[in-house]
Amino acid sequence: MVLQTNLEHVATAKDHAEIIENNKNVMICCGRMGPMCLPVYDIMENLQDEYSNVAFRDMLFDSPEAAVIRNHPACSSFMGLPFVVYYKNGELVSATSSIQNREQITEILNREFSS
């Protein structure tokens, strides 16, 4: 099962591993089709051209396969959706939860993926 967005989807833990292994910079938004997540998906869709060095993906929070994100130690204290994780060279370098605006997202993208 996948989300109904215009982003590429991460459907399985295997997909997750392959995406972070095969892309230097990855942003994954793990959420639902709800009011806290939809703005983040929209921002990600709009940033794809501007940040061509980043692989933007979504993942369905309620899928058992999303445990790879939900159970990550960096996400252990998160209370609100979506869980957004950023990977550089296969390592998780930043994670946020709850709604984020464009400025918050681009600050992380610039900080983590500018080099």
N, C-alpha and C. Protein backbone atom coordinates (compact mmCIF):
# COMPACT_ATOMS: atom_id res chain seq x y z
N MET A 1 0.83 -1.18 0.00
CA MET A 1 0.00 0.00 0.00
C MET A 1 0.88 1.25 0.00
N VAL A 2 0.50 2.26 -0.76
CA VAL A 2 1.26 3.49 -0.85
C VAL A 2 0.35 4.70 -0.68
N LEU A 3 0.95 5.82 -0.39
CA LEU A 3 0.21 7.07 -0.25
C LEU A 3 -0.15 7.63 -1.61
N GLN A 4 -1.21 8.41 -1.65
CA GLN A 4 -1.66 9.02 -2.91
C GLN A 4 -1.03 10.41 -3.05
N THR A 5 0.26 10.43 -3.34
CA THR A 5 0.99 11.68 -3.56
C THR A 5 1.69 11.58 -4.92
N ASN A 6 2.29 12.67 -5.32
CA ASN A 6 3.08 12.69 -6.56
C ASN A 6 4.55 12.42 -6.30
N LEU A 7 4.87 11.96 -5.09
CA LEU A 7 6.23 11.59 -4.75
C LEU A 7 6.45 10.12 -5.09
N GLU A 8 7.71 9.74 -5.21
CA GLU A 8 8.01 8.31 -5.33
C GLU A 8 7.81 7.69 -3.95
N HIS A 9 7.38 6.43 -3.94
CA HIS A 9 6.97 5.79 -2.69
C HIS A 9 7.99 4.76 -2.21
N VAL A 10 8.08 4.65 -0.90
CA VAL A 10 8.83 3.58 -0.25
C VAL A 10 7.77 2.64 0.30
N ALA A 11 7.67 1.45 -0.26
CA ALA A 11 6.61 0.52 0.13
C ALA A 11 7.08 -0.53 1.14
N THR A 12 8.38 -0.86 1.10
CA THR A 12 8.88 -1.93 1.96
C THR A 12 10.18 -1.52 2.63
N ALA A 13 10.55 -2.27 3.67
CA ALA A 13 11.83 -2.03 4.33
C ALA A 13 12.98 -2.26 3.35
N LYS A 14 12.80 -3.20 2.43
CA LYS A 14 13.82 -3.45 1.40
C LYS A 14 13.96 -2.23 0.49
N ASP A 15 12.83 -1.63 0.08
CA ASP A 15 12.87 -0.40 -0.71
C ASP A 15 13.63 0.69 0.04
N HIS A 16 13.33 0.82 1.33
CA HIS A 16 13.97 1.82 2.18
C HIS A 16 15.49 1.64 2.15
N ALA A 17 15.94 0.42 2.37
CA ALA A 17 17.38 0.14 2.39
C ALA A 17 18.02 0.46 1.05
N GLU A 18 17.35 0.10 -0.05
CA GLU A 18 17.89 0.35 -1.38
C GLU A 18 17.96 1.84 -1.69
N ILE A 19 16.95 2.58 -1.29
CA ILE A 19 16.92 4.01 -1.58
C ILE A 19 18.04 4.73 -0.84
N ILE A 20 18.24 4.41 0.43
CA ILE A 20 19.31 5.12 1.14
C ILE A 20 20.69 4.61 0.74
N GLU A 21 20.77 3.41 0.24
CA GLU A 21 22.06 2.89 -0.24
C GLU A 21 22.42 3.46 -1.60
N ASN A 22 21.43 3.70 -2.45
CA ASN A 22 21.68 4.11 -3.83
C ASN A 22 21.57 5.61 -4.08
N ASN A 23 21.28 6.40 -3.04
CA ASN A 23 21.17 7.85 -3.18
C ASN A 23 21.97 8.50 -2.07
N LYS A 24 22.77 9.49 -2.42
CA LYS A 24 23.60 10.17 -1.42
C LYS A 24 22.74 10.91 -0.40
N ASN A 25 21.71 11.62 -0.87
CA ASN A 25 20.85 12.44 -0.02
C ASN A 25 19.40 12.01 -0.18
N VAL A 26 18.75 11.69 0.94
CA VAL A 26 17.38 11.18 0.89
C VAL A 26 16.55 11.85 1.98
N MET A 27 15.35 12.27 1.61
CA MET A 27 14.35 12.76 2.56
C MET A 27 13.12 11.87 2.43
N ILE A 28 12.69 11.25 3.54
CA ILE A 28 11.50 10.41 3.52
C ILE A 28 10.51 10.96 4.52
N CYS A 29 9.30 11.19 4.05
CA CYS A 29 8.20 11.63 4.91
C CYS A 29 7.30 10.42 5.16
N CYS A 30 7.26 9.99 6.40
CA CYS A 30 6.49 8.81 6.79
C CYS A 30 5.21 9.30 7.47
N GLY A 31 4.08 9.15 6.78
CA GLY A 31 2.85 9.71 7.32
C GLY A 31 1.59 9.08 6.75
N ARG A 32 0.53 9.86 6.85
CA ARG A 32 -0.80 9.46 6.36
C ARG A 32 -1.32 10.55 5.43
N MET A 33 -2.48 10.33 4.87
CA MET A 33 -3.13 11.35 4.05
C MET A 33 -4.01 12.21 4.97
N GLY A 34 -3.35 12.98 5.84
CA GLY A 34 -4.06 13.80 6.81
C GLY A 34 -3.53 15.21 6.86
N PRO A 35 -4.17 16.07 7.67
CA PRO A 35 -3.87 17.50 7.67
C PRO A 35 -2.46 17.88 8.13
N MET A 36 -1.80 17.06 8.90
CA MET A 36 -0.44 17.37 9.34
C MET A 36 0.58 16.94 8.29
N CYS A 37 0.23 15.98 7.47
CA CYS A 37 1.17 15.41 6.50
C CYS A 37 1.05 16.03 5.12
N LEU A 38 -0.15 16.33 4.69
CA LEU A 38 -0.36 16.82 3.32
C LEU A 38 0.49 18.05 2.98
N PRO A 39 0.59 19.05 3.89
CA PRO A 39 1.44 20.20 3.56
C PRO A 39 2.91 19.81 3.35
N VAL A 40 3.39 18.83 4.09
CA VAL A 40 4.78 18.40 3.94
C VAL A 40 4.98 17.71 2.60
N TYR A 41 4.03 16.85 2.21
CA TYR A 41 4.13 16.22 0.89
C TYR A 41 4.16 17.28 -0.22
N ASP A 42 3.26 18.28 -0.10
CA ASP A 42 3.20 19.34 -1.11
C ASP A 42 4.52 20.10 -1.21
N ILE A 43 5.11 20.43 -0.06
CA ILE A 43 6.39 21.14 -0.05
C ILE A 43 7.46 20.27 -0.71
N MET A 44 7.49 19.00 -0.36
CA MET A 44 8.48 18.09 -0.95
C MET A 44 8.32 18.03 -2.47
N GLU A 45 7.09 17.93 -2.94
CA GLU A 45 6.84 17.88 -4.38
C GLU A 45 7.37 19.15 -5.05
N ASN A 46 7.16 20.30 -4.41
CA ASN A 46 7.60 21.57 -4.98
C ASN A 46 9.11 21.75 -4.93
N LEU A 47 9.79 21.09 -4.01
CA LEU A 47 11.23 21.25 -3.85
C LEU A 47 12.05 20.30 -4.73
N GLN A 48 11.41 19.32 -5.34
CA GLN A 48 12.14 18.31 -6.11
C GLN A 48 13.03 18.90 -7.20
N ASP A 49 12.54 19.90 -7.93
CA ASP A 49 13.34 20.51 -8.99
C ASP A 49 14.47 21.36 -8.42
N GLU A 50 14.17 22.06 -7.33
CA GLU A 50 15.16 22.95 -6.70
C GLU A 50 16.31 22.16 -6.06
N TYR A 51 16.00 21.00 -5.52
CA TYR A 51 17.00 20.16 -4.85
C TYR A 51 17.14 18.84 -5.63
N SER A 52 17.71 18.93 -6.81
CA SER A 52 17.83 17.75 -7.66
C SER A 52 18.82 16.73 -7.09
N ASN A 53 19.60 17.15 -6.09
CA ASN A 53 20.57 16.25 -5.45
C ASN A 53 19.96 15.45 -4.31
N VAL A 54 18.65 15.59 -4.09
CA VAL A 54 17.97 14.91 -3.00
C VAL A 54 16.88 14.00 -3.57
N ALA A 55 16.82 12.77 -3.06
CA ALA A 55 15.73 11.85 -3.42
C ALA A 55 14.60 12.06 -2.41
N PHE A 56 13.49 12.59 -2.87
CA PHE A 56 12.31 12.84 -2.03
C PHE A 56 11.37 11.65 -2.13
N ARG A 57 10.98 11.08 -0.99
CA ARG A 57 10.11 9.90 -0.98
C ARG A 57 9.08 10.03 0.14
N ASP A 58 8.01 9.25 0.01
CA ASP A 58 7.05 9.13 1.09
C ASP A 58 6.93 7.66 1.49
N MET A 59 6.39 7.43 2.68
CA MET A 59 6.16 6.06 3.16
C MET A 59 4.93 6.08 4.04
N LEU A 60 4.07 5.09 3.88
CA LEU A 60 2.84 4.99 4.65
C LEU A 60 3.15 4.61 6.10
N PHE A 61 2.80 5.49 7.02
CA PHE A 61 3.12 5.31 8.43
C PHE A 61 2.52 4.02 9.00
N ASP A 62 1.32 3.68 8.59
CA ASP A 62 0.61 2.54 9.18
C ASP A 62 1.01 1.19 8.60
N SER A 63 1.90 1.19 7.64
CA SER A 63 2.38 -0.07 7.09
C SER A 63 3.35 -0.72 8.08
N PRO A 64 3.25 -2.02 8.26
CA PRO A 64 4.24 -2.70 9.12
C PRO A 64 5.67 -2.44 8.64
N GLU A 65 5.85 -2.24 7.34
CA GLU A 65 7.17 -1.99 6.77
C GLU A 65 7.78 -0.67 7.25
N ALA A 66 6.93 0.27 7.69
CA ALA A 66 7.42 1.57 8.16
C ALA A 66 8.07 1.49 9.53
N ALA A 67 8.08 0.33 10.14
CA ALA A 67 8.76 0.15 11.43
C ALA A 67 10.22 0.56 11.33
N VAL A 68 10.81 0.45 10.15
CA VAL A 68 12.21 0.84 9.94
C VAL A 68 12.41 2.33 10.27
N ILE A 69 11.37 3.13 10.11
CA ILE A 69 11.43 4.55 10.49
C ILE A 69 10.82 4.75 11.88
N ARG A 70 9.62 4.22 12.09
CA ARG A 70 8.93 4.42 13.38
C ARG A 70 9.78 3.98 14.57
N ASN A 71 10.53 2.90 14.43
CA ASN A 71 11.29 2.34 15.54
C ASN A 71 12.74 2.81 15.59
N HIS A 72 13.12 3.71 14.70
CA HIS A 72 14.49 4.22 14.73
C HIS A 72 14.69 5.03 16.02
N PRO A 73 15.83 4.88 16.68
CA PRO A 73 16.08 5.62 17.93
C PRO A 73 15.89 7.14 17.80
N ALA A 74 16.20 7.71 16.64
CA ALA A 74 16.02 9.16 16.46
C ALA A 74 14.56 9.58 16.48
N CYS A 75 13.65 8.62 16.29
CA CYS A 75 12.21 8.91 16.25
C CYS A 75 11.48 8.44 17.51
N SER A 76 12.21 7.92 18.48
CA SER A 76 11.58 7.27 19.63
C SER A 76 10.70 8.19 20.48
N SER A 77 11.00 9.47 20.49
CA SER A 77 10.20 10.39 21.31
C SER A 77 9.14 11.14 20.52
N PHE A 78 9.02 10.86 19.23
CA PHE A 78 8.07 11.58 18.38
C PHE A 78 6.64 11.27 18.76
N MET A 79 5.81 12.32 18.77
CA MET A 79 4.40 12.17 19.12
C MET A 79 3.47 12.47 17.94
N GLY A 80 3.90 13.34 17.02
CA GLY A 80 3.01 13.75 15.94
C GLY A 80 3.50 13.35 14.57
N LEU A 81 2.55 13.16 13.68
CA LEU A 81 2.86 12.84 12.29
C LEU A 81 3.05 14.12 11.49
N PRO A 82 3.80 14.05 10.42
CA PRO A 82 4.57 12.91 9.94
C PRO A 82 5.92 12.81 10.64
N PHE A 83 6.55 11.66 10.49
CA PHE A 83 7.95 11.47 10.88
C PHE A 83 8.74 11.73 9.59
N VAL A 84 9.66 12.67 9.62
CA VAL A 84 10.46 12.98 8.44
C VAL A 84 11.92 12.70 8.78
N VAL A 85 12.54 11.86 7.95
CA VAL A 85 13.92 11.47 8.19
C VAL A 85 14.78 11.86 6.98
N TYR A 86 16.00 12.26 7.28
CA TYR A 86 16.95 12.71 6.28
C TYR A 86 18.20 11.85 6.38
N TYR A 87 18.60 11.27 5.27
CA TYR A 87 19.77 10.39 5.22
C TYR A 87 20.83 10.99 4.30
N LYS A 88 22.09 10.95 4.75
CA LYS A 88 23.22 11.35 3.92
C LYS A 88 24.21 10.19 3.94
N ASN A 89 24.56 9.73 2.76
CA ASN A 89 25.49 8.60 2.63
C ASN A 89 25.08 7.40 3.48
N GLY A 90 23.77 7.13 3.51
CA GLY A 90 23.25 5.96 4.20
C GLY A 90 23.03 6.13 5.69
N GLU A 91 23.41 7.27 6.25
CA GLU A 91 23.25 7.51 7.69
C GLU A 91 22.15 8.52 7.95
N LEU A 92 21.34 8.28 8.97
CA LEU A 92 20.31 9.24 9.35
C LEU A 92 20.99 10.45 9.99
N VAL A 93 20.81 11.63 9.40
CA VAL A 93 21.48 12.83 9.89
C VAL A 93 20.53 13.82 10.55
N SER A 94 19.23 13.67 10.32
CA SER A 94 18.25 14.56 10.94
C SER A 94 16.88 13.87 10.91
N ALA A 95 16.05 14.21 11.90
CA ALA A 95 14.69 13.66 11.95
C ALA A 95 13.80 14.68 12.64
N THR A 96 12.59 14.84 12.10
CA THR A 96 11.61 15.76 12.69
C THR A 96 10.26 15.07 12.75
N SER A 97 9.39 15.63 13.57
CA SER A 97 8.01 15.13 13.60
C SER A 97 7.06 16.31 13.59
N SER A 98 5.83 16.03 13.24
CA SER A 98 4.75 17.01 13.14
C SER A 98 4.93 17.88 11.90
N ILE A 99 3.95 18.74 11.69
CA ILE A 99 3.92 19.56 10.49
C ILE A 99 5.16 20.45 10.42
N GLN A 100 5.68 20.61 9.24
CA GLN A 100 6.83 21.47 8.98
C GLN A 100 6.47 22.40 7.84
N ASN A 101 7.00 23.64 7.90
CA ASN A 101 6.78 24.55 6.77
C ASN A 101 7.99 24.52 5.84
N ARG A 102 7.87 25.20 4.73
CA ARG A 102 8.93 25.20 3.72
C ARG A 102 10.25 25.68 4.31
N GLU A 103 10.22 26.74 5.10
CA GLU A 103 11.44 27.30 5.68
C GLU A 103 12.14 26.28 6.58
N GLN A 104 11.38 25.56 7.39
CA GLN A 104 11.96 24.56 8.29
C GLN A 104 12.60 23.42 7.48
N ILE A 105 11.91 22.98 6.44
CA ILE A 105 12.42 21.89 5.62
C ILE A 105 13.66 22.31 4.86
N THR A 106 13.62 23.49 4.22
CA THR A 106 14.78 23.93 3.45
C THR A 106 15.99 24.21 4.35
N GLU A 107 15.76 24.62 5.59
CA GLU A 107 16.87 24.83 6.51
C GLU A 107 17.61 23.51 6.73
N ILE A 108 16.87 22.43 6.92
CA ILE A 108 17.49 21.12 7.11
C ILE A 108 18.16 20.65 5.82
N LEU A 109 17.49 20.80 4.69
CA LEU A 109 18.08 20.39 3.41
C LEU A 109 19.39 21.12 3.16
N ASN A 110 19.40 22.43 3.40
CA ASN A 110 20.61 23.22 3.17
C ASN A 110 21.72 22.84 4.15
N ARG A 111 21.35 22.63 5.39
CA ARG A 111 22.34 22.29 6.41
C ARG A 111 22.96 20.91 6.15
N GLU A 112 22.13 19.93 5.84
CA GLU A 112 22.60 18.56 5.74
C GLU A 112 23.11 18.16 4.36
N PHE A 113 22.58 18.80 3.31
CA PHE A 113 22.88 18.32 1.96
C PHE A 113 23.58 19.33 1.06
N SER A 114 24.07 20.42 1.61
CA SER A 114 24.69 21.44 0.78
C SER A 114 26.07 21.06 0.28
N SER A 115 26.75 20.16 0.98
CA SER A 115 28.11 19.80 0.56
C SER A 115 28.11 18.55 -0.29
